[in-house]
Amino acid sequence: MARVCQVTGVTVTRGHHIHRSGKAKKEGGIGRHITKRVKRVIFPNLRTKRIWVSELGKYVTVKLTARALKTVNKNGAFKVLKEAGVL
């Protein structure tokens, strides 16, 4: 399976990590300077969980982000998974 949340649809994002050099002014230096932008990959906080769906009477295995897991706990597994199209 891909690194995608089945409920929220969150995927891998790409960004930059900024390399800096120098000493901060408040520490007695002449200031920090950006020397390079390095590409980086930001992965979602995914969990593979078996969730009990009482309406179906069985477990459903889904790949969720931590935020989506909180949504499932708050609103109920059947409602959230049905809206997401997992069931």
PDB file of N, CA and C in Angstrom:
ATOM      1  N   MET A   1       0.827  -1.194   0.000  1.00  0.00           N
ATOM      2  CA  MET A   1       0.000   0.000   0.000  1.00  0.00           C
ATOM      3  C   MET A   1       0.867   1.252   0.000  1.00  0.00           C
ATOM      4  N   ALA A   2       0.349   2.291  -0.593  1.00  0.00           N
ATOM      5  CA  ALA A   2       1.071   3.553  -0.634  1.00  0.00           C
ATOM      6  C   ALA A   2       1.004   4.251   0.724  1.00  0.00           C
ATOM      7  N   ARG A   3       1.814   5.284   0.873  1.00  0.00           N
ATOM      8  CA  ARG A   3       1.813   6.068   2.113  1.00  0.00           C
ATOM      9  C   ARG A   3       0.713   7.121   2.041  1.00  0.00           C
ATOM     10  N   VAL A   4      -0.535   6.644   2.107  1.00  0.00           N
ATOM     11  CA  VAL A   4      -1.700   7.508   2.008  1.00  0.00           C
ATOM     12  C   VAL A   4      -2.689   7.122   3.091  1.00  0.00           C
ATOM     13  N   CYS A   5      -3.254   8.123   3.769  1.00  0.00           N
ATOM     14  CA  CYS A   5      -4.300   7.882   4.759  1.00  0.00           C
ATOM     15  C   CYS A   5      -5.598   7.560   4.026  1.00  0.00           C
ATOM     16  N   GLN A   6      -6.272   6.482   4.429  1.00  0.00           N
ATOM     17  CA  GLN A   6      -7.490   6.072   3.745  1.00  0.00           C
ATOM     18  C   GLN A   6      -8.687   6.933   4.107  1.00  0.00           C
ATOM     19  N   VAL A   7      -8.602   7.690   5.187  1.00  0.00           N
ATOM     20  CA  VAL A   7      -9.720   8.535   5.610  1.00  0.00           C
ATOM     21  C   VAL A   7      -9.530   9.971   5.129  1.00  0.00           C
ATOM     22  N   THR A   8      -8.388  10.576   5.436  1.00  0.00           N
ATOM     23  CA  THR A   8      -8.180  11.991   5.104  1.00  0.00           C
ATOM     24  C   THR A   8      -7.522  12.193   3.748  1.00  0.00           C
ATOM     25  N   GLY A   9      -6.857  11.183   3.209  1.00  0.00           N
ATOM     26  CA  GLY A   9      -6.203  11.309   1.916  1.00  0.00           C
ATOM     27  C   GLY A   9      -4.850  12.007   1.975  1.00  0.00           C
ATOM     28  N   VAL A  10      -4.298  12.156   3.175  1.00  0.00           N
ATOM     29  CA  VAL A  10      -3.006  12.821   3.338  1.00  0.00           C
ATOM     30  C   VAL A  10      -1.911  11.950   2.724  1.00  0.00           C
ATOM     31  N   THR A  11      -1.018  12.583   1.936  1.00  0.00           N
ATOM     32  CA  THR A  11       0.068  11.857   1.292  1.00  0.00           C
ATOM     33  C   THR A  11       1.411  12.455   1.703  1.00  0.00           C
ATOM     34  N   VAL A  12       2.461  11.939   1.105  1.00  0.00           N
ATOM     35  CA  VAL A  12       3.809  12.453   1.335  1.00  0.00           C
ATOM     36  C   VAL A  12       3.909  13.850   0.732  1.00  0.00           C
ATOM     37  N   THR A  13       4.506  14.798   1.474  1.00  0.00           N
ATOM     38  CA  THR A  13       4.729  16.134   0.944  1.00  0.00           C
ATOM     39  C   THR A  13       6.223  16.375   0.826  1.00  0.00           C
ATOM     40  N   ARG A  14       6.584  17.320  -0.005  1.00  0.00           N
ATOM     41  CA  ARG A  14       7.990  17.639  -0.217  1.00  0.00           C
ATOM     42  C   ARG A  14       8.240  19.083   0.161  1.00  0.00           C
ATOM     43  N   GLY A  15       9.430  19.331   0.679  1.00  0.00           N
ATOM     44  CA  GLY A  15       9.776  20.673   1.094  1.00  0.00           C
ATOM     45  C   GLY A  15      11.271  20.858   1.105  1.00  0.00           C
ATOM     46  N   HIS A  16      11.730  21.825   1.892  1.00  0.00           N
ATOM     47  CA  HIS A  16      13.148  22.127   1.983  1.00  0.00           C
ATOM     48  C   HIS A  16      13.584  22.227   3.429  1.00  0.00           C
ATOM     49  N   HIS A  17      14.817  21.837   3.673  1.00  0.00           N
ATOM     50  CA  HIS A  17      15.480  22.063   4.947  1.00  0.00           C
ATOM     51  C   HIS A  17      16.511  23.150   4.685  1.00  0.00           C
ATOM     52  N   ILE A  18      16.516  24.179   5.511  1.00  0.00           N
ATOM     53  CA  ILE A  18      17.397  25.325   5.271  1.00  0.00           C
ATOM     54  C   ILE A  18      18.665  25.195   6.102  1.00  0.00           C
ATOM     55  N   HIS A  19      19.831  25.185   5.435  1.00  0.00           N
ATOM     56  CA  HIS A  19      21.114  25.189   6.118  1.00  0.00           C
ATOM     57  C   HIS A  19      21.503  26.626   6.429  1.00  0.00           C
ATOM     58  N   ARG A  20      21.898  26.862   7.661  1.00  0.00           N
ATOM     59  CA  ARG A  20      22.303  28.202   8.063  1.00  0.00           C
ATOM     60  C   ARG A  20      23.710  28.157   8.634  1.00  0.00           C
ATOM     61  N   SER A  21      24.434  29.273   8.508  1.00  0.00           N
ATOM     62  CA  SER A  21      25.753  29.367   9.119  1.00  0.00           C
ATOM     63  C   SER A  21      25.857  30.696   9.844  1.00  0.00           C
ATOM     64  N   GLY A  22      26.826  30.819  10.705  1.00  0.00           N
ATOM     65  CA  GLY A  22      27.044  32.058  11.431  1.00  0.00           C
ATOM     66  C   GLY A  22      26.532  31.981  12.847  1.00  0.00           C
ATOM     67  N   LYS A  23      26.815  33.046  13.593  1.00  0.00           N
ATOM     68  CA  LYS A  23      26.426  33.133  14.990  1.00  0.00           C
ATOM     69  C   LYS A  23      25.341  34.205  15.131  1.00  0.00           C
ATOM     70  N   ALA A  24      24.321  33.921  15.915  1.00  0.00           N
ATOM     71  CA  ALA A  24      23.214  34.853  16.085  1.00  0.00           C
ATOM     72  C   ALA A  24      23.690  36.174  16.668  1.00  0.00           C
ATOM     73  N   LYS A  25      22.996  37.251  16.298  1.00  0.00           N
ATOM     74  CA  LYS A  25      23.375  38.585  16.782  1.00  0.00           C
ATOM     75  C   LYS A  25      23.274  38.685  18.293  1.00  0.00           C
ATOM     76  N   LYS A  26      22.234  38.062  18.866  1.00  0.00           N
ATOM     77  CA  LYS A  26      22.072  38.159  20.312  1.00  0.00           C
ATOM     78  C   LYS A  26      23.125  37.358  21.070  1.00  0.00           C
ATOM     79  N   GLU A  27      23.875  36.533  20.354  1.00  0.00           N
ATOM     80  CA  GLU A  27      24.979  35.793  20.978  1.00  0.00           C
ATOM     81  C   GLU A  27      26.326  36.450  20.678  1.00  0.00           C
ATOM     82  N   GLY A  28      26.294  37.635  20.050  1.00  0.00           N
ATOM     83  CA  GLY A  28      27.524  38.369  19.797  1.00  0.00           C
ATOM     84  C   GLY A  28      28.077  38.222  18.397  1.00  0.00           C
ATOM     85  N   GLY A  29      27.350  37.570  17.516  1.00  0.00           N
ATOM     86  CA  GLY A  29      27.828  37.386  16.150  1.00  0.00           C
ATOM     87  C   GLY A  29      27.297  38.464  15.215  1.00  0.00           C
ATOM     88  N   ILE A  30      27.502  38.247  13.920  1.00  0.00           N
ATOM     89  CA  ILE A  30      27.038  39.217  12.926  1.00  0.00           C
ATOM     90  C   ILE A  30      25.720  38.783  12.283  1.00  0.00           C
ATOM     91  N   GLY A  31      25.154  37.694  12.732  1.00  0.00           N
ATOM     92  CA  GLY A  31      23.861  37.239  12.223  1.00  0.00           C
ATOM     93  C   GLY A  31      23.973  35.929  11.459  1.00  0.00           C
ATOM     94  N   ARG A  32      22.846  35.256  11.370  1.00  0.00           N
ATOM     95  CA  ARG A  32      22.783  33.968  10.663  1.00  0.00           C
ATOM     96  C   ARG A  32      22.520  34.214   9.185  1.00  0.00           C
ATOM     97  N   HIS A  33      23.058  33.348   8.345  1.00  0.00           N
ATOM     98  CA  HIS A  33      22.871  33.473   6.900  1.00  0.00           C
ATOM     99  C   HIS A  33      22.483  32.123   6.321  1.00  0.00           C
ATOM    100  N   ILE A  34      21.576  32.148   5.347  1.00  0.00           N
ATOM    101  CA  ILE A  34      21.178  30.926   4.653  1.00  0.00           C
ATOM    102  C   ILE A  34      22.243  30.582   3.625  1.00  0.00           C
ATOM    103  N   THR A  35      22.757  29.353   3.671  1.00  0.00           N
ATOM    104  CA  THR A  35      23.793  28.950   2.734  1.00  0.00           C
ATOM    105  C   THR A  35      23.264  27.985   1.671  1.00  0.00           C
ATOM    106  N   LYS A  36      22.188  27.242   2.007  1.00  0.00           N
ATOM    107  CA  LYS A  36      21.730  26.221   1.072  1.00  0.00           C
ATOM    108  C   LYS A  36      20.307  25.803   1.435  1.00  0.00           C
ATOM    109  N   ARG A  37      19.528  25.418   0.434  1.00  0.00           N
ATOM    110  CA  ARG A  37      18.234  24.788   0.653  1.00  0.00           C
ATOM    111  C   ARG A  37      18.347  23.348   0.172  1.00  0.00           C
ATOM    112  N   VAL A  38      18.087  22.399   1.060  1.00  0.00           N
ATOM    113  CA  VAL A  38      18.215  20.979   0.746  1.00  0.00           C
ATOM    114  C   VAL A  38      16.825  20.360   0.686  1.00  0.00           C
ATOM    115  N   LYS A  39      16.550  19.613  -0.367  1.00  0.00           N
ATOM    116  CA  LYS A  39      15.253  18.964  -0.512  1.00  0.00           C
ATOM    117  C   LYS A  39      15.061  17.924   0.578  1.00  0.00           C
ATOM    118  N   ARG A  40      13.796  17.815   1.050  1.00  0.00           N
ATOM    119  CA  ARG A  40      13.472  16.801   2.042  1.00  0.00           C
ATOM    120  C   ARG A  40      12.067  16.286   1.789  1.00  0.00           C
ATOM    121  N   VAL A  41      11.761  15.141   2.393  1.00  0.00           N
ATOM    122  CA  VAL A  41      10.457  14.508   2.248  1.00  0.00           C
ATOM    123  C   VAL A  41       9.801  14.463   3.624  1.00  0.00           C
ATOM    124  N   ILE A  42       8.528  14.855   3.698  1.00  0.00           N
ATOM    125  CA  ILE A  42       7.788  14.856   4.955  1.00  0.00           C
ATOM    126  C   ILE A  42       6.736  13.765   4.868  1.00  0.00           C
ATOM    127  N   PHE A  43       6.870  12.733   5.713  1.00  0.00           N
ATOM    128  CA  PHE A  43       5.956  11.600   5.693  1.00  0.00           C
ATOM    129  C   PHE A  43       4.797  11.817   6.657  1.00  0.00           C
ATOM    130  N   PRO A  44       3.589  11.354   6.297  1.00  0.00           N
ATOM    131  CA  PRO A  44       2.476  11.449   7.240  1.00  0.00           C
ATOM    132  C   PRO A  44       2.657  10.454   8.383  1.00  0.00           C
ATOM    133  N   ASN A  45       2.036  10.748   9.512  1.00  0.00           N
ATOM    134  CA  ASN A  45       2.140   9.917  10.706  1.00  0.00           C
ATOM    135  C   ASN A  45       1.135   8.771  10.606  1.00  0.00           C
ATOM    136  N   LEU A  46       1.480   7.745   9.815  1.00  0.00           N
ATOM    137  CA  LEU A  46       0.544   6.655   9.505  1.00  0.00           C
ATOM    138  C   LEU A  46       0.599   5.529  10.516  1.00  0.00           C
ATOM    139  N   ARG A  47      -0.570   4.932  10.752  1.00  0.00           N
ATOM    140  CA  ARG A  47      -0.719   3.770  11.622  1.00  0.00           C
ATOM    141  C   ARG A  47      -1.598   2.755  10.895  1.00  0.00           C
ATOM    142  N   THR A  48      -1.229   1.492  10.944  1.00  0.00           N
ATOM    143  CA  THR A  48      -2.087   0.432  10.434  1.00  0.00           C
ATOM    144  C   THR A  48      -2.863  -0.133  11.610  1.00  0.00           C
ATOM    145  N   LYS A  49      -4.189   0.008  11.579  1.00  0.00           N
ATOM    146  CA  LYS A  49      -5.021  -0.371  12.724  1.00  0.00           C
ATOM    147  C   LYS A  49      -6.126  -1.324  12.286  1.00  0.00           C
ATOM    148  N   ARG A  50      -6.460  -2.233  13.204  1.00  0.00           N
ATOM    149  CA  ARG A  50      -7.658  -3.057  13.053  1.00  0.00           C
ATOM    150  C   ARG A  50      -8.738  -2.414  13.907  1.00  0.00           C
ATOM    151  N   ILE A  51      -9.791  -1.948  13.276  1.00  0.00           N
ATOM    152  CA  ILE A  51     -10.848  -1.234  13.988  1.00  0.00           C
ATOM    153  C   ILE A  51     -12.107  -2.097  13.994  1.00  0.00           C
ATOM    154  N   TRP A  52     -12.701  -2.252  15.186  1.00  0.00           N
ATOM    155  CA  TRP A  52     -13.940  -3.007  15.309  1.00  0.00           C
ATOM    156  C   TRP A  52     -15.105  -2.132  14.862  1.00  0.00           C
ATOM    157  N   VAL A  53     -15.878  -2.618  13.889  1.00  0.00           N
ATOM    158  CA  VAL A  53     -17.070  -1.917  13.422  1.00  0.00           C
ATOM    159  C   VAL A  53     -18.273  -2.720  13.893  1.00  0.00           C
ATOM    160  N   SER A  54     -18.946  -2.190  14.910  1.00  0.00           N
ATOM    161  CA  SER A  54     -20.024  -2.956  15.539  1.00  0.00           C
ATOM    162  C   SER A  54     -21.224  -3.144  14.603  1.00  0.00           C
ATOM    163  N   GLU A  55     -21.479  -2.186  13.704  1.00  0.00           N
ATOM    164  CA  GLU A  55     -22.597  -2.314  12.765  1.00  0.00           C
ATOM    165  C   GLU A  55     -22.399  -3.486  11.810  1.00  0.00           C
ATOM    166  N   LEU A  56     -21.147  -3.771  11.464  1.00  0.00           N
ATOM    167  CA  LEU A  56     -20.849  -4.900  10.573  1.00  0.00           C
ATOM    168  C   LEU A  56     -20.541  -6.168  11.339  1.00  0.00           C
ATOM    169  N   GLY A  57     -20.155  -6.013  12.607  1.00  0.00           N
ATOM    170  CA  GLY A  57     -19.819  -7.170  13.422  1.00  0.00           C
ATOM    171  C   GLY A  57     -18.483  -7.791  13.066  1.00  0.00           C
ATOM    172  N   LYS A  58     -17.541  -6.975  12.590  1.00  0.00           N
ATOM    173  CA  LYS A  58     -16.229  -7.503  12.232  1.00  0.00           C
ATOM    174  C   LYS A  58     -15.167  -6.413  12.339  1.00  0.00           C
ATOM    175  N   TYR A  59     -13.900  -6.831  12.262  1.00  0.00           N
ATOM    176  CA  TYR A  59     -12.777  -5.912  12.251  1.00  0.00           C
ATOM    177  C   TYR A  59     -12.499  -5.454  10.822  1.00  0.00           C
ATOM    178  N   VAL A  60     -12.053  -4.209  10.685  1.00  0.00           N
ATOM    179  CA  VAL A  60     -11.641  -3.668   9.398  1.00  0.00           C
ATOM    180  C   VAL A  60     -10.223  -3.136   9.571  1.00  0.00           C
ATOM    181  N   THR A  61      -9.303  -3.553   8.695  1.00  0.00           N
ATOM    182  CA  THR A  61      -7.924  -3.081   8.753  1.00  0.00           C
ATOM    183  C   THR A  61      -7.783  -1.876   7.829  1.00  0.00           C
ATOM    184  N   VAL A  62      -7.324  -0.762   8.414  1.00  0.00           N
ATOM    185  CA  VAL A  62      -7.171   0.477   7.654  1.00  0.00           C
ATOM    186  C   VAL A  62      -5.839   1.116   7.990  1.00  0.00           C
ATOM    187  N   LYS A  63      -5.355   1.941   7.060  1.00  0.00           N
ATOM    188  CA  LYS A  63      -4.128   2.706   7.269  1.00  0.00           C
ATOM    189  C   LYS A  63      -4.536   4.151   7.499  1.00  0.00           C
ATOM    190  N   LEU A  64      -4.303   4.651   8.717  1.00  0.00           N
ATOM    191  CA  LEU A  64      -4.772   5.968   9.125  1.00  0.00           C
ATOM    192  C   LEU A  64      -3.639   6.824   9.646  1.00  0.00           C
ATOM    193  N   THR A  65      -3.804   8.146   9.533  1.00  0.00           N
ATOM    194  CA  THR A  65      -2.921   9.053  10.248  1.00  0.00           C
ATOM    195  C   THR A  65      -3.413   9.132  11.685  1.00  0.00           C
ATOM    196  N   ALA A  66      -2.558   9.648  12.570  1.00  0.00           N
ATOM    197  CA  ALA A  66      -2.929   9.789  13.976  1.00  0.00           C
ATOM    198  C   ALA A  66      -4.135  10.721  14.111  1.00  0.00           C
ATOM    199  N   ARG A  67      -4.198  11.765  13.299  1.00  0.00           N
ATOM    200  CA  ARG A  67      -5.335  12.694  13.345  1.00  0.00           C
ATOM    201  C   ARG A  67      -6.627  11.997  12.925  1.00  0.00           C
ATOM    202  N   ALA A  68      -6.575  11.160  11.894  1.00  0.00           N
ATOM    203  CA  ALA A  68      -7.767  10.444  11.447  1.00  0.00           C
ATOM    204  C   ALA A  68      -8.226   9.445  12.502  1.00  0.00           C
ATOM    205  N   LEU A  69      -7.286   8.865  13.232  1.00  0.00           N
ATOM    206  CA  LEU A  69      -7.634   7.929  14.299  1.00  0.00           C
ATOM    207  C   LEU A  69      -8.412   8.637  15.401  1.00  0.00           C
ATOM    208  N   LYS A  70      -8.019   9.885  15.711  1.00  0.00           N
ATOM    209  CA  LYS A  70      -8.771  10.678  16.683  1.00  0.00           C
ATOM    210  C   LYS A  70     -10.180  10.968  16.172  1.00  0.00           C
ATOM    211  N   THR A  71     -10.316  11.201  14.873  1.00  0.00           N
ATOM    212  CA  THR A  71     -11.626  11.456  14.276  1.00  0.00           C
ATOM    213  C   THR A  71     -12.503  10.217  14.366  1.00  0.00           C
ATOM    214  N   VAL A  72     -11.914   9.046  14.142  1.00  0.00           N
ATOM    215  CA  VAL A  72     -12.664   7.789  14.242  1.00  0.00           C
ATOM    216  C   VAL A  72     -13.140   7.574  15.675  1.00  0.00           C
ATOM    217  N   ASN A  73     -12.272   7.855  16.639  1.00  0.00           N
ATOM    218  CA  ASN A  73     -12.658   7.694  18.040  1.00  0.00           C
ATOM    219  C   ASN A  73     -13.777   8.660  18.428  1.00  0.00           C
ATOM    220  N   LYS A  74     -13.752   9.867  17.877  1.00  0.00           N
ATOM    221  CA  LYS A  74     -14.737  10.884  18.239  1.00  0.00           C
ATOM    222  C   LYS A  74     -16.092  10.644  17.574  1.00  0.00           C
ATOM    223  N   ASN A  75     -16.096  10.378  16.280  1.00  0.00           N
ATOM    224  CA  ASN A  75     -17.346  10.310  15.511  1.00  0.00           C
ATOM    225  C   ASN A  75     -17.871   8.907  15.273  1.00  0.00           C
ATOM    226  N   GLY A  76     -17.082   7.890  15.577  1.00  0.00           N
ATOM    227  CA  GLY A  76     -17.527   6.521  15.354  1.00  0.00           C
ATOM    228  C   GLY A  76     -16.941   5.935  14.085  1.00  0.00           C
ATOM    229  N   ALA A  77     -16.565   4.657  14.171  1.00  0.00           N
ATOM    230  CA  ALA A  77     -15.867   4.002  13.069  1.00  0.00           C
ATOM    231  C   ALA A  77     -16.750   3.866  11.833  1.00  0.00           C
ATOM    232  N   PHE A  78     -17.984   3.418  11.997  1.00  0.00           N
ATOM    233  CA  PHE A  78     -18.839   3.148  10.843  1.00  0.00           C
ATOM    234  C   PHE A  78     -19.098   4.421  10.043  1.00  0.00           C
ATOM    235  N   LYS A  79     -19.434   5.528  10.737  1.00  0.00           N
ATOM    236  CA  LYS A  79     -19.741   6.785  10.070  1.00  0.00           C
ATOM    237  C   LYS A  79     -18.551   7.328   9.303  1.00  0.00           C
ATOM    238  N   VAL A  80     -17.384   7.359   9.950  1.00  0.00           N
ATOM    239  CA  VAL A  80     -16.189   7.943   9.331  1.00  0.00           C
ATOM    240  C   VAL A  80     -15.710   7.096   8.154  1.00  0.00           C
ATOM    241  N   LEU A  81     -15.657   5.778   8.341  1.00  0.00           N
ATOM    242  CA  LEU A  81     -15.158   4.902   7.273  1.00  0.00           C
ATOM    243  C   LEU A  81     -16.127   4.859   6.085  1.00  0.00           C
ATOM    244  N   LYS A  82     -17.426   4.967   6.357  1.00  0.00           N
ATOM    245  CA  LYS A  82     -18.398   4.982   5.252  1.00  0.00           C
ATOM    246  C   LYS A  82     -18.273   6.271   4.438  1.00  0.00           C
ATOM    247  N   GLU A  83     -18.098   7.430   5.123  1.00  0.00           N
ATOM    248  CA  GLU A  83     -17.931   8.706   4.411  1.00  0.00           C
ATOM    249  C   GLU A  83     -16.657   8.721   3.578  1.00  0.00           C
ATOM    250  N   ALA A  84     -15.610   8.022   4.079  1.00  0.00           N
ATOM    251  CA  ALA A  84     -14.339   7.993   3.363  1.00  0.00           C
ATOM    252  C   ALA A  84     -14.368   6.989   2.201  1.00  0.00           C
ATOM    253  N   GLY A  85     -15.371   6.141   2.148  1.00  0.00           N
ATOM    254  CA  GLY A  85     -15.470   5.156   1.076  1.00  0.00           C
ATOM    255  C   GLY A  85     -14.677   3.900   1.335  1.00  0.00           C
ATOM    256  N   VAL A  86     -14.282   3.668   2.584  1.00  0.00           N
ATOM    257  CA  VAL A  86     -13.526   2.458   2.910  1.00  0.00           C
ATOM    258  C   VAL A  86     -14.456   1.261   3.015  1.00  0.00           C
ATOM    259  N   LEU A  87     -15.667   1.467   3.524  1.00  0.00           N
ATOM    260  CA  LEU A  87     -16.627   0.373   3.665  1.00  0.00           C
ATOM    261  C   LEU A  87     -17.514   0.265   2.447  1.00  0.00           C
TER     262      LEU A  87
END
